[in-house]
PDB file of N, CA and C in Angstrom:
ATOM      1  N   MET A   1      54.265 139.025  95.833  1.00  0.00           N
ATOM      2  CA  MET A   1      55.243 137.979  96.080  1.00  0.00           C
ATOM      3  C   MET A   1      56.493 138.273  95.252  1.00  0.00           C
ATOM      4  N   PRO A   2      57.680 138.251  95.900  1.00  0.00           N
ATOM      5  CA  PRO A   2      58.901 138.573  95.151  1.00  0.00           C
ATOM      6  C   PRO A   2      59.242 137.463  94.158  1.00  0.00           C
ATOM      7  N   LYS A   3      59.945 137.881  93.135  1.00  0.00           N
ATOM      8  CA  LYS A   3      60.352 136.945  92.096  1.00  0.00           C
ATOM      9  C   LYS A   3      61.479 136.053  92.631  1.00  0.00           C
ATOM     10  N   SER A   4      61.347 134.718  92.436  1.00  0.00           N
ATOM     11  CA  SER A   4      62.366 133.784  92.914  1.00  0.00           C
ATOM     12  C   SER A   4      63.548 133.792  91.962  1.00  0.00           C
ATOM     13  N   THR A   5      64.705 133.859  92.554  1.00  0.00           N
ATOM     14  CA  THR A   5      65.914 133.788  91.752  1.00  0.00           C
ATOM     15  C   THR A   5      66.470 132.371  91.838  1.00  0.00           C
ATOM     16  N   PRO A   6      67.285 131.968  90.883  1.00  0.00           N
ATOM     17  CA  PRO A   6      67.869 130.622  90.948  1.00  0.00           C
ATOM     18  C   PRO A   6      68.683 130.394  92.226  1.00  0.00           C
ATOM     19  N   MET A   7      69.317 131.428  92.745  1.00  0.00           N
ATOM     20  CA  MET A   7      70.112 131.266  93.960  1.00  0.00           C
ATOM     21  C   MET A   7      69.218 130.969  95.164  1.00  0.00           C
ATOM     22  N   THR A   8      68.043 131.563  95.213  1.00  0.00           N
ATOM     23  CA  THR A   8      67.115 131.300  96.315  1.00  0.00           C
ATOM     24  C   THR A   8      66.672 129.843  96.282  1.00  0.00           C
ATOM     25  N   ILE A   9      66.397 129.334  95.096  1.00  0.00           N
ATOM     26  CA  ILE A   9      65.967 127.943  94.957  1.00  0.00           C
ATOM     27  C   ILE A   9      67.101 126.996  95.335  1.00  0.00           C
ATOM     28  N   ILE A  10      68.323 127.327  94.966  1.00  0.00           N
ATOM     29  CA  ILE A  10      69.474 126.487  95.319  1.00  0.00           C
ATOM     30  C   ILE A  10      69.655 126.446  96.838  1.00  0.00           C
ATOM     31  N   PHE A  11      69.537 127.594  97.489  1.00  0.00           N
ATOM     32  CA  PHE A  11      69.672 127.621  98.946  1.00  0.00           C
ATOM     33  C   PHE A  11      68.556 126.809  99.610  1.00  0.00           C
ATOM     34  N   LEU A  12      67.360 126.886  99.075  1.00  0.00           N
ATOM     35  CA  LEU A  12      66.247 126.108  99.602  1.00  0.00           C
ATOM     36  C   LEU A  12      66.518 124.606  99.445  1.00  0.00           C
ATOM     37  N   LEU A  13      66.991 124.191  98.290  1.00  0.00           N
ATOM     38  CA  LEU A  13      67.279 122.775  98.054  1.00  0.00           C
ATOM     39  C   LEU A  13      68.429 122.277  98.925  1.00  0.00           C
ATOM     40  N   ILE A  14      69.431 123.110  99.145  1.00  0.00           N
ATOM     41  CA  ILE A  14      70.538 122.722 100.032  1.00  0.00           C
ATOM     42  C   ILE A  14      70.025 122.534 101.456  1.00  0.00           C
ATOM     43  N   GLY A  15      69.178 123.416 101.911  1.00  0.00           N
ATOM     44  CA  GLY A  15      68.613 123.295 103.254  1.00  0.00           C
ATOM     45  C   GLY A  15      67.774 122.033 103.405  1.00  0.00           C
ATOM     46  N   ILE A  16      66.954 121.742 102.405  1.00  0.00           N
ATOM     47  CA  ILE A  16      66.131 120.532 102.464  1.00  0.00           C
ATOM     48  C   ILE A  16      67.002 119.291 102.436  1.00  0.00           C
ATOM     49  N   SER A  17      68.019 119.262 101.586  1.00  0.00           N
ATOM     50  CA  SER A  17      68.870 118.076 101.506  1.00  0.00           C
ATOM     51  C   SER A  17      69.677 117.872 102.788  1.00  0.00           C
ATOM     52  N   LEU A  18      70.114 118.937 103.421  1.00  0.00           N
ATOM     53  CA  LEU A  18      70.813 118.800 104.696  1.00  0.00           C
ATOM     54  C   LEU A  18      69.870 118.293 105.786  1.00  0.00           C
ATOM     55  N   SER A  19      68.634 118.736 105.765  1.00  0.00           N
ATOM     56  CA  SER A  19      67.658 118.241 106.746  1.00  0.00           C
ATOM     57  C   SER A  19      67.408 116.752 106.567  1.00  0.00           C
ATOM     58  N   VAL A  20      67.241 116.318 105.327  1.00  0.00           N
ATOM     59  CA  VAL A  20      67.013 114.896 105.061  1.00  0.00           C
ATOM     60  C   VAL A  20      68.238 114.077 105.466  1.00  0.00           C
ATOM     61  N   ALA A  21      69.436 114.589 105.159  1.00  0.00           N
ATOM     62  CA  ALA A  21      70.660 113.879 105.531  1.00  0.00           C
ATOM     63  C   ALA A  21      70.782 113.750 107.052  1.00  0.00           C
ATOM     64  N   LEU A  22      70.423 114.783 107.790  1.00  0.00           N
ATOM     65  CA  LEU A  22      70.485 114.719 109.251  1.00  0.00           C
ATOM     66  C   LEU A  22      69.458 113.737 109.811  1.00  0.00           C
ATOM     67  N   ILE A  23      68.309 113.656 109.175  1.00  0.00           N
ATOM     68  CA  ILE A  23      67.302 112.680 109.615  1.00  0.00           C
ATOM     69  C   ILE A  23      67.830 111.263 109.416  1.00  0.00           C
ATOM     70  N   PHE A  24      68.422 110.984 108.259  1.00  0.00           N
ATOM     71  CA  PHE A  24      68.971 109.655 108.013  1.00  0.00           C
ATOM     72  C   PHE A  24      70.151 109.347 108.936  1.00  0.00           C
ATOM     73  N   LEU A  25      70.975 110.334 109.223  1.00  0.00           N
ATOM     74  CA  LEU A  25      72.076 110.127 110.154  1.00  0.00           C
ATOM     75  C   LEU A  25      71.541 109.806 111.547  1.00  0.00           C
ATOM     76  N   GLY A  26      70.509 110.519 111.970  1.00  0.00           N
ATOM     77  CA  GLY A  26      69.899 110.236 113.265  1.00  0.00           C
ATOM     78  C   GLY A  26      69.294 108.841 113.322  1.00  0.00           C
ATOM     79  N   ALA A  27      68.644 108.419 112.238  1.00  0.00           N
ATOM     80  CA  ALA A  27      68.056 107.074 112.198  1.00  0.00           C
ATOM     81  C   ALA A  27      69.142 106.010 112.236  1.00  0.00           C
ATOM     82  N   PHE A  28      70.256 106.244 111.554  1.00  0.00           N
ATOM     83  CA  PHE A  28      71.362 105.294 111.569  1.00  0.00           C
ATOM     84  C   PHE A  28      71.977 105.197 112.965  1.00  0.00           C
ATOM     85  N   LEU A  29      72.208 106.327 113.598  1.00  0.00           N
ATOM     86  CA  LEU A  29      72.776 106.309 114.948  1.00  0.00           C
ATOM     87  C   LEU A  29      71.831 105.644 115.941  1.00  0.00           C
ATOM     88  N   TRP A  30      70.527 105.868 115.791  1.00  0.00           N
ATOM     89  CA  TRP A  30      69.555 105.203 116.645  1.00  0.00           C
ATOM     90  C   TRP A  30      69.623 103.689 116.453  1.00  0.00           C
ATOM     91  N   ALA A  31      69.727 103.243 115.198  1.00  0.00           N
ATOM     92  CA  ALA A  31      69.782 101.809 114.915  1.00  0.00           C
ATOM     93  C   ALA A  31      71.041 101.179 115.498  1.00  0.00           C
ATOM     94  N   VAL A  32      72.147 101.883 115.440  1.00  0.00           N
ATOM     95  CA  VAL A  32      73.395 101.352 115.991  1.00  0.00           C
ATOM     96  C   VAL A  32      73.311 101.284 117.510  1.00  0.00           C
ATOM     97  N   ARG A  33      72.773 102.299 118.131  1.00  0.00           N
ATOM     98  CA  ARG A  33      72.704 102.324 119.601  1.00  0.00           C
ATOM     99  C   ARG A  33      71.718 101.318 120.169  1.00  0.00           C
ATOM    100  N   THR A  34      70.678 100.959 119.403  1.00  0.00           N
ATOM    101  CA  THR A  34      69.691 100.010 119.916  1.00  0.00           C
ATOM    102  C   THR A  34      70.018  98.577 119.550  1.00  0.00           C
ATOM    103  N   GLY A  35      71.165  98.348 118.916  1.00  0.00           N
ATOM    104  CA  GLY A  35      71.615  96.982 118.670  1.00  0.00           C
ATOM    105  C   GLY A  35      71.096  96.340 117.395  1.00  0.00           C
ATOM    106  N   GLN A  36      70.705  97.121 116.424  1.00  0.00           N
ATOM    107  CA  GLN A  36      70.196  96.550 115.182  1.00  0.00           C
ATOM    108  C   GLN A  36      71.286  95.837 114.387  1.00  0.00           C
ATOM    109  N   TYR A  37      72.538  96.196 114.596  1.00  0.00           N
ATOM    110  CA  TYR A  37      73.638  95.614 113.835  1.00  0.00           C
ATOM    111  C   TYR A  37      74.518  94.711 114.690  1.00  0.00           C
ATOM    112  N   GLU A  38      73.990  94.200 115.780  1.00  0.00           N
ATOM    113  CA  GLU A  38      74.783  93.374 116.688  1.00  0.00           C
ATOM    114  C   GLU A  38      75.211  92.050 116.061  1.00  0.00           C
ATOM    115  N   ASP A  39      74.280  91.309 115.490  1.00  0.00           N
ATOM    116  CA  ASP A  39      74.565  89.970 114.999  1.00  0.00           C
ATOM    117  C   ASP A  39      74.366  89.933 113.491  1.00  0.00           C
ATOM    118  N   ASP A  40      75.447  90.091 112.749  1.00  0.00           N
ATOM    119  CA  ASP A  40      75.323  90.062 111.300  1.00  0.00           C
ATOM    120  C   ASP A  40      75.793  88.747 110.696  1.00  0.00           C
ATOM    121  N   TYR A  41      76.215  87.805 111.526  1.00  0.00           N
ATOM    122  CA  TYR A  41      76.694  86.518 111.011  1.00  0.00           C
ATOM    123  C   TYR A  41      75.594  85.463 111.027  1.00  0.00           C
ATOM    124  N   THR A  42      74.859  85.375 112.105  1.00  0.00           N
ATOM    125  CA  THR A  42      73.875  84.313 112.270  1.00  0.00           C
ATOM    126  C   THR A  42      72.783  84.312 111.198  1.00  0.00           C
ATOM    127  N   PRO A  43      72.192  85.441 110.829  1.00  0.00           N
ATOM    128  CA  PRO A  43      71.132  85.365 109.817  1.00  0.00           C
ATOM    129  C   PRO A  43      71.610  84.798 108.480  1.00  0.00           C
ATOM    130  N   SER A  44      72.855  84.996 108.137  1.00  0.00           N
ATOM    131  CA  SER A  44      73.328  84.503 106.843  1.00  0.00           C
ATOM    132  C   SER A  44      73.565  83.010 106.840  1.00  0.00           C
ATOM    133  N   VAL A  45      73.807  82.392 107.997  1.00  0.00           N
ATOM    134  CA  VAL A  45      74.052  80.948 108.046  1.00  0.00           C
ATOM    135  C   VAL A  45      72.905  80.188 108.693  1.00  0.00           C
ATOM    136  N   ARG A  46      71.864  80.865 109.119  1.00  0.00           N
ATOM    137  CA  ARG A  46      70.746  80.208 109.784  1.00  0.00           C
ATOM    138  C   ARG A  46      70.093  79.181 108.873  1.00  0.00           C
ATOM    139  N   MET A  47      70.015  79.457 107.578  1.00  0.00           N
ATOM    140  CA  MET A  47      69.368  78.524 106.663  1.00  0.00           C
ATOM    141  C   MET A  47      70.204  77.266 106.439  1.00  0.00           C
ATOM    142  N   LEU A  48      71.474  77.280 106.807  1.00  0.00           N
ATOM    143  CA  LEU A  48      72.313  76.114 106.620  1.00  0.00           C
ATOM    144  C   LEU A  48      72.138  75.086 107.717  1.00  0.00           C
ATOM    145  N   PHE A  49      71.639  75.504 108.870  1.00  0.00           N
ATOM    146  CA  PHE A  49      71.441  74.583 109.981  1.00  0.00           C
ATOM    147  C   PHE A  49      70.096  73.878 109.831  1.00  0.00           C
ATOM    148  N   GLU A  50      70.096  72.587 110.117  1.00  0.00           N
ATOM    149  CA  GLU A  50      68.842  71.855 110.046  1.00  0.00           C
ATOM    150  C   GLU A  50      68.035  72.073 111.316  1.00  0.00           C
ATOM    151  N   ASP A  51      66.753  72.117 111.143  1.00  0.00           N
ATOM    152  CA  ASP A  51      65.872  72.246 112.300  1.00  0.00           C
ATOM    153  C   ASP A  51      65.775  70.896 113.008  1.00  0.00           C
ATOM    154  N   GLU A  52      65.584  70.949 114.303  1.00  0.00           N
ATOM    155  CA  GLU A  52      65.387  69.735 115.069  1.00  0.00           C
ATOM    156  C   GLU A  52      64.051  69.106 114.685  1.00  0.00           C
ATOM    157  N   PRO A  53      64.047  67.808 114.415  1.00  0.00           N
ATOM    158  CA  PRO A  53      62.747  67.189 114.096  1.00  0.00           C
ATOM    159  C   PRO A  53      61.848  67.174 115.338  1.00  0.00           C
ATOM    160  N   THR A  54      60.602  67.417 115.111  1.00  0.00           N
ATOM    161  CA  THR A  54      59.656  67.438 116.227  1.00  0.00           C
ATOM    162  C   THR A  54      58.825  66.153 116.185  1.00  0.00           C
ATOM    163  N   ASP A  55      58.566  65.606 117.355  1.00  0.00           N
ATOM    164  CA  ASP A  55      57.732  64.407 117.458  1.00  0.00           C
ATOM    165  C   ASP A  55      56.267  64.821 117.486  1.00  0.00           C
ATOM    166  N   PRO A  56      55.520  64.403 116.507  1.00  0.00           N
ATOM    167  CA  PRO A  56      54.086  64.733 116.566  1.00  0.00           C
ATOM    168  C   PRO A  56      53.399  63.833 117.591  1.00  0.00           C
ATOM    169  N   THR A  57      52.759  64.423 118.551  1.00  0.00           N
ATOM    170  CA  THR A  57      52.056  63.635 119.558  1.00  0.00           C
ATOM    171  C   THR A  57      50.616  63.423 119.093  1.00  0.00           C
ATOM    172  N   PRO A  58      50.189  62.155 119.048  1.00  0.00           N
ATOM    173  CA  PRO A  58      48.827  61.882 118.549  1.00  0.00           C
ATOM    174  C   PRO A  58      47.765  62.273 119.543  1.00  0.00           C
TER     175      PRO A  58
END
């Protein structure tokens, strides 16, 4: 087995980090295209609205 040089390890780490970055970019683009970020206002104010009271039927 050949001796690893620091440059070989750096190239390996750059390749791995680029692969991980591309995976995260793909996941982000998938989330945007499927509508995960469509409604960002309603969840923040949903707790401010009161729920309709329900009539318990005996």
